[in-house]
Amino acid sequence: MNLDFINSNTRQYTHGFHPYPAKMIPQVANALICEYGKNASLLLDPYCGTGTTLVEASIRGLNSIGSDLNPLARLLSKVKTTPIEIQSLELHLHDFYEYLFQFRYGFKTKDNIVIKSFPRIDFWFSKEVKEKLSIISNYINQIENNDIRDFFNVAFSQTIRECSYTRNDEFKLYKMSSEKLKAFKPDPYCIMELVLGNNCIGLKEFILDRKDTRSTAIISDFNSINAIPSKIIKDNSIDIVVTSPPYGDSSTTVAYGQFSALSNQWLGLMENGRSLDKELMGGNSHVEIKEFQSEILNQNIESIRKIDEKRAMEVSSFYSDYEKSIKNVSNAVKPNGFACFVVSNRNVKGQILQTDIITQDFFQQFNFRHIDTFYRKISNKRMPRYNSSTGKKGEKTELMNTESIIVMKKK
């Protein structure tokens, strides 16, 4: 099965909503569902991010359950999988454009608008941008229909990011250079209108292609490292898992918390957006290095330990959480059900951590057998390409430029 999908359109339907790091491309999710979920009725994505897999499941008539600890990701997943009555949405859009017209041409002023405030907001936004974003937010907060309000908030979140002083090519919160700041004059009104228009087109495509299905997507915030609540998912109830777990702890790979921090704070989803990274897989380092039932992982960690004890501890902590998560996910899958994990092998201190083999080893502990592994080049996925794996300034090594799709089947 060829899963490269070079030059494929990854923004069809609602997939084009909002930038987000390390998203699985929809073509991969679709191929796995079509190949291994032919007779499936319920899909699970325990690290669902912005809901790529859930959207693909919805279009193909599968009910799905997704979970993510990032409240912004849950909002995106919910909006991307929720059909909205288009006529009602378009009435709100027309009303919103009229609302902005009043402010653009001075028929209304910001005098009665509460200007948003949170720690360091003035570090990330100019005064004018902050005021215009607050005017937009004021309109959104008055929308009574929850689904339409959430639809607007997704576009607003993207507008927040594009109007901030954040370097948009980074996953972490880094401010633009002083040179770029001088020329940076974003218009929140224009950006919001453009994003809303594009998202409305994508939503219409999504609704049209799922018109013959009544599938539902449930979005949850359970942490699969600890447990999967039985009231949400019973043991042996899932037909297929299609997911892309974190590739490593957030501090050294993809900092989802930092990427989402400004949106989470502005939307009132989290008081301190950066704190999220500590809650994610490997976010808290354990007190000792674990011995795993994966010989290749034990060898990798020992090689790193000889160079850097602290990094070895961090790697061990991440894979300890990963193993716990796989155990809980395994319990949820039916006999003869499939687990399809999209992973990448990262470089730490010159050691390639073979997460593809490690994933197989972990699943085999919990009554799964290996069906196949596919490899694809990462050509259209927003991922870091290089890092300093040695920790020495200026030294860079390739990072996660290919990914592996591991397919396991429960016995």
Foldseek 3Di string as FASTA:
>chain_A
DDDFCPPPDQPAFLSVQDDAAFDDRLSVLLVCCVVFVVPFAEEEAAAQQLNSNVLSCLLVQHAYEYAHQQPLSLLNNVLSNDQDDLVVLVVLLVVVVVLVVCDVVVVDDLPVFDQDDAPCPVVWAPPVVSSVLSSLVVSLVPDPDPSSSSLLLSLSLNLSVLRTQAPVLDLAGDGDDPVVVVVRDDDSVVSSSVSSVVSSVSSVSSCVSNVVHDHYYHYYHDQLLVADDCVVFNFQAGQEYDYEADQFQCVAWGQRLRNRQVSCCRVVVDNGSSCVSLVGQLNDFDDDADDDLAVLLVVLLVVVCVQPVVVSRSRSRNVNSVLSSLLNVLRRHHAQGKYKYKYFFFAALNGTRPVLRVVQSSNVVSQKHWDDKDKYFPDPGSTDQWDQRNPDPPDIDGTGRMIMITMIGHD
